[in-house]
Amino acid sequence: MKKTLFVLILLFFVVLFFVSNNAKSYDSGAPDGFTGSPSNGQTCVMCHSGAPVSVLSNVISNNIPTSGYVPGNTYSFTAQINRFGHSVFGFQISPQDNSGNVLGTLVDVDFETQITGFGTYITHTVSGISGVNSKTWSFDWIAPSAGTGSVTFYGAFNVTNGNGTSGGDSIFTSTLTINENTVSIEENLIQERIGIYPNPISDYFMLDVKELEGEMKLTIYNLSGEKCFEENTIKIIKGEESKKIIFDHKLLAGTYLVEIVVKNKKYIKKIIVL
């Protein structure tokens, strides 16, 4: 009887040790292949139990213009997960095709993230799991070669209950698809000659339209991709030199992207609002 009781107690502590250490081992980064992508097919819920996996939008953001990424350029990304009353978070993100091949190059920018899987994944480090009601991670991405086309970033996120085990956690997934900029060399040259002044600006700016003709749609986005201003029917007459764009409401101070569409061609300019 005593021997049986001893074995049961020993077994209990072995299981407790395994579960506790299994949960804590991922403090230093998620194991490869848990982004929820078509190739991975699994998320953090494979190891963490709790509520069913939920899909969130607007978790992954970047500074890529709405016209798309330019092959070879480097862009800044952030991933932010919010959960009131929680203080421990984890994540894994990967830009993949349907076969699991990494597209572009992930770049680690601080001590809170790390690259794993021979460049396929970016995940947290042990220094990058703590936050108060939310957690934000940052990284860079070098766009792939021309002709790659659209790239989807797959992400899985773990919000833990902080009890030191893999139970009772909340798992989320989120994706973001980025298109490739296929603007021609001629259009790029026109874009370079389209000027905005004054810049920085306050409540209006002058747009140099000597290179444009026809009906123009003008949209202003912040760096999170949110639309802040739009004017759809601006008529540009051949030979006209400039247009005055007046905002119907004050933009907050910061950096914005101005998207100009004329005859189904897009041009992107950057402005700074004081």
Protein backbone atom coordinates (compact mmCIF):
# COMPACT_ATOMS: atom_id res chain seq x y z
CA MET A 1 0.00 0.00 0.00
CA LYS A 2 2.79 2.39 0.99
CA LYS A 3 4.71 1.47 -2.14
CA THR A 4 1.68 2.12 -4.36
CA LEU A 5 1.06 5.47 -2.67
CA PHE A 6 4.72 6.43 -3.14
CA VAL A 7 4.57 5.56 -6.86
CA LEU A 8 1.42 7.62 -7.33
CA ILE A 9 2.93 10.63 -5.57
CA LEU A 10 6.11 10.30 -7.60
CA LEU A 11 4.10 10.04 -10.81
CA PHE A 12 2.10 13.15 -9.87
CA PHE A 13 5.23 15.24 -9.41
CA VAL A 14 6.77 13.91 -12.65
CA VAL A 15 3.67 14.93 -14.59
CA LEU A 16 3.53 18.30 -12.84
CA PHE A 17 7.19 18.93 -13.63
CA PHE A 18 6.73 17.99 -17.28
CA VAL A 19 3.63 20.16 -17.80
CA SER A 20 5.16 23.15 -16.05
CA ASN A 21 8.43 22.96 -17.92
CA ASN A 22 6.72 22.24 -21.21
CA ALA A 23 4.72 25.47 -20.85
CA LYS A 24 7.66 27.56 -19.71
CA SER A 25 9.97 26.25 -22.41
CA TYR A 26 8.10 28.34 -24.97
CA ASP A 27 8.81 31.56 -23.06
CA SER A 28 11.99 31.74 -25.15
CA GLY A 29 10.18 31.40 -28.49
CA ALA A 30 7.53 29.35 -30.25
CA PRO A 31 8.60 26.10 -31.94
CA ASP A 32 8.74 26.29 -35.75
CA GLY A 33 5.63 25.70 -37.82
CA PHE A 34 2.76 27.05 -35.70
CA THR A 35 1.54 30.11 -37.66
CA GLY A 36 -1.70 28.58 -38.93
CA SER A 37 -0.57 28.94 -42.56
CA PRO A 38 -1.79 26.45 -45.23
CA SER A 39 1.58 24.73 -45.00
CA ASN A 40 1.87 24.71 -41.20
CA GLY A 41 -1.76 23.81 -40.60
CA GLN A 42 -1.43 24.27 -36.84
CA THR A 43 -1.21 27.01 -34.23
CA CYS A 44 -0.18 27.46 -30.60
CA VAL A 45 -3.34 25.57 -29.60
CA MET A 46 -1.44 22.35 -30.35
CA CYS A 47 0.40 22.90 -27.05
CA HIS A 48 -1.76 25.43 -25.18
CA SER A 49 -5.30 24.64 -24.13
CA GLY A 50 -8.10 27.08 -23.37
CA ALA A 51 -10.76 28.85 -25.42
CA PRO A 52 -11.16 27.93 -29.13
CA VAL A 53 -8.84 29.71 -31.59
CA SER A 54 -10.19 33.15 -32.58
CA VAL A 55 -9.39 35.10 -35.74
CA LEU A 56 -8.48 38.77 -35.36
CA SER A 57 -7.93 41.52 -37.94
CA ASN A 58 -5.56 44.50 -37.90
CA VAL A 59 -3.00 42.75 -35.69
CA ILE A 60 -0.16 42.96 -38.22
CA SER A 61 0.62 46.37 -39.72
CA ASN A 62 3.40 47.96 -41.78
CA ASN A 63 4.52 51.07 -43.65
CA ILE A 64 4.08 49.65 -47.16
CA PRO A 65 2.14 52.05 -49.44
CA THR A 66 -1.26 50.96 -50.69
CA SER A 67 0.30 50.61 -54.15
CA GLY A 68 2.25 47.61 -52.83
CA TYR A 69 5.81 46.63 -51.97
CA VAL A 70 8.73 47.45 -54.23
CA PRO A 71 10.96 44.38 -54.73
CA GLY A 72 14.16 44.60 -52.69
CA ASN A 73 12.97 47.45 -50.46
CA THR A 74 12.99 47.15 -46.66
CA TYR A 75 9.78 47.81 -44.71
CA SER A 76 8.90 48.08 -41.03
CA PHE A 77 6.27 45.80 -39.44
CA THR A 78 4.55 45.69 -36.08
CA ALA A 79 2.32 43.07 -34.49
CA GLN A 80 0.12 44.10 -31.58
CA ILE A 81 -2.16 41.92 -29.48
CA ASN A 82 -4.49 43.43 -26.85
CA ARG A 83 -6.06 41.59 -23.91
CA PHE A 84 -7.16 43.47 -20.81
CA GLY A 85 -5.94 42.01 -17.52
CA HIS A 86 -3.14 39.96 -19.09
CA SER A 87 0.61 40.46 -18.95
CA VAL A 88 2.28 37.53 -20.75
CA PHE A 89 2.14 37.16 -24.54
CA GLY A 90 3.78 35.21 -27.35
CA PHE A 91 3.67 35.12 -31.15
CA GLN A 92 4.99 33.62 -34.38
CA ILE A 93 4.73 35.19 -37.86
CA SER A 94 5.87 34.00 -41.28
CA PRO A 95 5.47 35.38 -44.84
CA GLN A 96 4.80 32.22 -46.87
CA ASP A 97 3.38 30.80 -50.05
CA ASN A 98 0.96 27.86 -49.93
CA SER A 99 3.88 25.41 -49.97
CA GLY A 100 5.49 26.94 -46.90
CA ASN A 101 8.34 28.68 -48.71
CA VAL A 102 9.36 31.92 -47.03
CA LEU A 103 8.84 35.01 -49.22
CA GLY A 104 11.25 37.90 -48.72
CA THR A 105 13.64 38.20 -45.79
CA LEU A 106 12.66 38.67 -42.15
CA VAL A 107 14.95 40.99 -40.18
CA ASP A 108 15.27 40.98 -36.39
CA VAL A 109 15.46 44.57 -35.08
CA ASP A 110 15.65 44.21 -31.28
CA PHE A 111 16.18 41.80 -28.38
CA GLU A 112 12.47 41.00 -28.02
CA THR A 113 12.29 38.96 -31.24
CA GLN A 114 14.32 36.28 -33.01
CA ILE A 115 14.46 34.60 -36.41
CA THR A 116 14.03 30.81 -36.50
CA GLY A 117 13.52 28.01 -39.00
CA PHE A 118 16.42 29.16 -41.21
CA GLY A 119 14.77 32.53 -41.78
CA THR A 120 11.18 31.29 -42.09
CA TYR A 121 9.72 32.51 -38.78
CA ILE A 122 9.97 35.41 -36.39
CA THR A 123 8.93 34.84 -32.77
CA HIS A 124 9.35 36.28 -29.29
CA THR A 125 12.33 35.88 -27.00
CA VAL A 126 12.17 35.48 -23.24
CA SER A 127 12.69 39.26 -23.05
CA GLY A 128 9.72 39.91 -25.32
CA ILE A 129 6.75 38.31 -23.55
CA SER A 130 5.79 40.88 -20.91
CA GLY A 131 3.22 43.64 -21.39
CA VAL A 132 0.41 45.42 -19.58
CA ASN A 133 -2.94 44.60 -21.25
CA SER A 134 -1.17 44.45 -24.62
CA LYS A 135 2.10 43.58 -26.34
CA THR A 136 3.74 44.95 -29.48
CA TRP A 137 6.61 43.41 -31.41
CA SER A 138 8.55 45.06 -34.25
CA PHE A 139 10.55 43.63 -37.14
CA ASP A 140 11.68 44.49 -40.66
CA TRP A 141 11.04 42.69 -43.93
CA ILE A 142 13.02 42.88 -47.16
CA ALA A 143 10.62 42.45 -50.08
CA PRO A 144 11.28 39.53 -52.47
CA SER A 145 12.34 39.69 -56.11
CA ALA A 146 10.13 41.10 -58.87
CA GLY A 147 7.41 38.78 -60.07
CA THR A 148 6.78 37.18 -56.67
CA GLY A 149 3.31 38.71 -56.51
CA SER A 150 1.22 39.02 -53.37
CA VAL A 151 2.67 37.88 -50.04
CA THR A 152 0.61 36.75 -47.05
CA PHE A 153 1.92 37.12 -43.50
CA TYR A 154 0.49 34.39 -41.26
CA GLY A 155 0.53 34.96 -37.50
CA ALA A 156 -0.46 33.05 -34.37
CA PHE A 157 -0.62 34.74 -30.96
CA ASN A 158 -0.80 33.38 -27.43
CA VAL A 159 -2.26 35.34 -24.53
CA THR A 160 -1.50 33.39 -21.36
CA ASN A 161 -3.20 33.38 -17.99
CA GLY A 162 0.19 33.39 -16.26
CA ASN A 163 -0.38 30.25 -14.20
CA GLY A 164 2.87 28.64 -15.37
CA THR A 165 1.17 25.82 -17.32
CA SER A 166 -0.07 25.37 -20.87
CA GLY A 167 -3.73 25.37 -19.79
CA GLY A 168 -6.25 28.21 -19.79
CA ASP A 169 -4.51 30.29 -22.48
CA SER A 170 -6.15 32.16 -25.38
CA ILE A 171 -4.91 31.62 -28.95
CA PHE A 172 -5.53 34.00 -31.86
CA THR A 173 -4.59 34.01 -35.53
CA SER A 174 -4.32 36.89 -37.98
CA THR A 175 -3.17 37.33 -41.58
CA LEU A 176 -2.12 40.25 -43.75
CA THR A 177 -1.69 40.11 -47.54
CA ILE A 178 0.60 42.58 -49.31
CA ASN A 179 0.52 43.13 -53.07
CA GLU A 180 3.53 43.73 -55.26
CA ASN A 181 3.91 47.16 -56.85
CA THR A 182 3.82 46.63 -60.61
CA VAL A 183 4.03 50.30 -61.61
CA SER A 184 5.99 50.80 -64.83
CA ILE A 185 9.24 52.76 -65.12
CA GLU A 186 7.38 55.53 -66.95
CA GLU A 187 4.83 55.83 -64.16
CA ASN A 188 7.61 55.93 -61.58
CA LEU A 189 9.22 58.82 -63.45
CA ILE A 190 5.91 60.70 -63.47
CA GLN A 191 5.54 60.02 -59.76
CA GLU A 192 8.95 61.56 -59.09
CA ARG A 193 7.85 64.74 -60.88
CA ILE A 194 4.59 65.10 -58.95
CA GLY A 195 5.32 67.60 -56.20
CA ILE A 196 3.49 68.54 -53.00
CA TYR A 197 4.13 71.88 -51.33
CA PRO A 198 4.39 73.17 -48.74
CA ASN A 199 5.57 70.00 -47.00
CA PRO A 200 5.35 69.77 -43.96
CA ILE A 201 1.78 71.05 -44.18
CA SER A 202 -1.08 72.16 -41.93
CA ASP A 203 -4.63 72.19 -43.35
CA TYR A 204 -3.95 72.28 -47.11
CA PHE A 205 -1.29 71.61 -49.72
CA MET A 206 -0.66 72.39 -53.38
CA LEU A 207 -0.33 69.42 -55.73
CA ASP A 208 1.81 69.75 -58.85
CA VAL A 209 -0.33 68.25 -61.66
CA LYS A 210 1.60 69.29 -64.78
CA GLU A 211 2.22 65.61 -65.57
CA LEU A 212 -1.43 64.61 -65.06
CA GLU A 213 -4.68 65.00 -66.98
CA GLY A 214 -8.22 63.74 -66.40
CA GLU A 215 -10.29 62.96 -63.33
CA MET A 216 -8.30 62.39 -60.17
CA LYS A 217 -9.13 60.56 -56.95
CA LEU A 218 -7.03 61.57 -53.95
CA THR A 219 -6.90 59.58 -50.70
CA ILE A 220 -4.78 60.15 -47.60
CA TYR A 221 -3.81 57.22 -45.35
CA ASN A 222 -1.94 57.08 -42.07
CA LEU A 223 0.95 54.63 -41.73
CA SER A 224 -1.39 51.99 -40.30
CA GLY A 225 -3.32 51.98 -43.57
CA GLU A 226 -6.38 53.79 -42.21
CA LYS A 227 -8.16 56.20 -44.56
CA CYS A 228 -8.07 59.76 -43.16
CA PHE A 229 -9.23 61.89 -46.11
CA GLU A 230 -10.74 61.29 -49.54
CA GLU A 231 -11.76 63.40 -52.52
CA ASN A 232 -13.07 61.48 -55.53
CA THR A 233 -13.78 63.89 -58.39
CA ILE A 234 -10.95 66.34 -58.91
CA LYS A 235 -10.82 67.45 -62.55
CA ILE A 236 -7.38 68.15 -64.02
CA ILE A 237 -7.34 70.11 -67.31
CA LYS A 238 -4.42 69.68 -69.72
CA GLY A 239 -1.86 72.40 -69.09
CA GLU A 240 -3.04 73.02 -65.53
CA GLU A 241 -0.07 73.37 -63.19
CA SER A 242 -1.42 72.84 -59.66
CA LYS A 243 -4.41 71.98 -57.53
CA LYS A 244 -5.08 73.21 -53.99
CA ILE A 245 -6.20 70.39 -51.70
CA ILE A 246 -8.00 71.63 -48.58
CA PHE A 247 -8.89 69.20 -45.80
CA ASP A 248 -12.45 69.21 -44.50
CA HIS A 249 -11.09 68.34 -41.08
CA LYS A 250 -7.77 68.77 -39.33
CA LEU A 251 -5.34 65.85 -39.60
CA LEU A 252 -3.41 64.91 -36.49
CA ALA A 253 0.29 65.64 -36.54
CA GLY A 254 2.29 62.84 -38.12
CA THR A 255 3.33 61.22 -41.40
CA TYR A 256 0.77 60.27 -44.06
CA LEU A 257 0.70 58.72 -47.53
CA VAL A 258 -1.17 60.50 -50.33
CA GLU A 259 -2.54 58.14 -52.98
CA ILE A 260 -3.32 59.80 -56.33
CA VAL A 261 -5.29 57.82 -58.93
CA VAL A 262 -5.63 59.15 -62.49
CA LYS A 263 -6.76 56.96 -65.42
CA ASN A 264 -6.39 53.83 -63.26
CA LYS A 265 -2.76 54.65 -62.47
CA LYS A 266 -1.64 55.14 -58.87
CA TYR A 267 0.99 57.51 -57.53
CA ILE A 268 2.08 57.67 -53.90
CA LYS A 269 3.53 60.71 -52.15
CA LYS A 270 4.48 61.21 -48.49
CA ILE A 271 3.43 64.24 -46.45
CA ILE A 272 4.17 65.40 -42.92
CA VAL A 273 1.43 67.21 -41.00
CA LEU A 274 2.48 69.64 -38.30
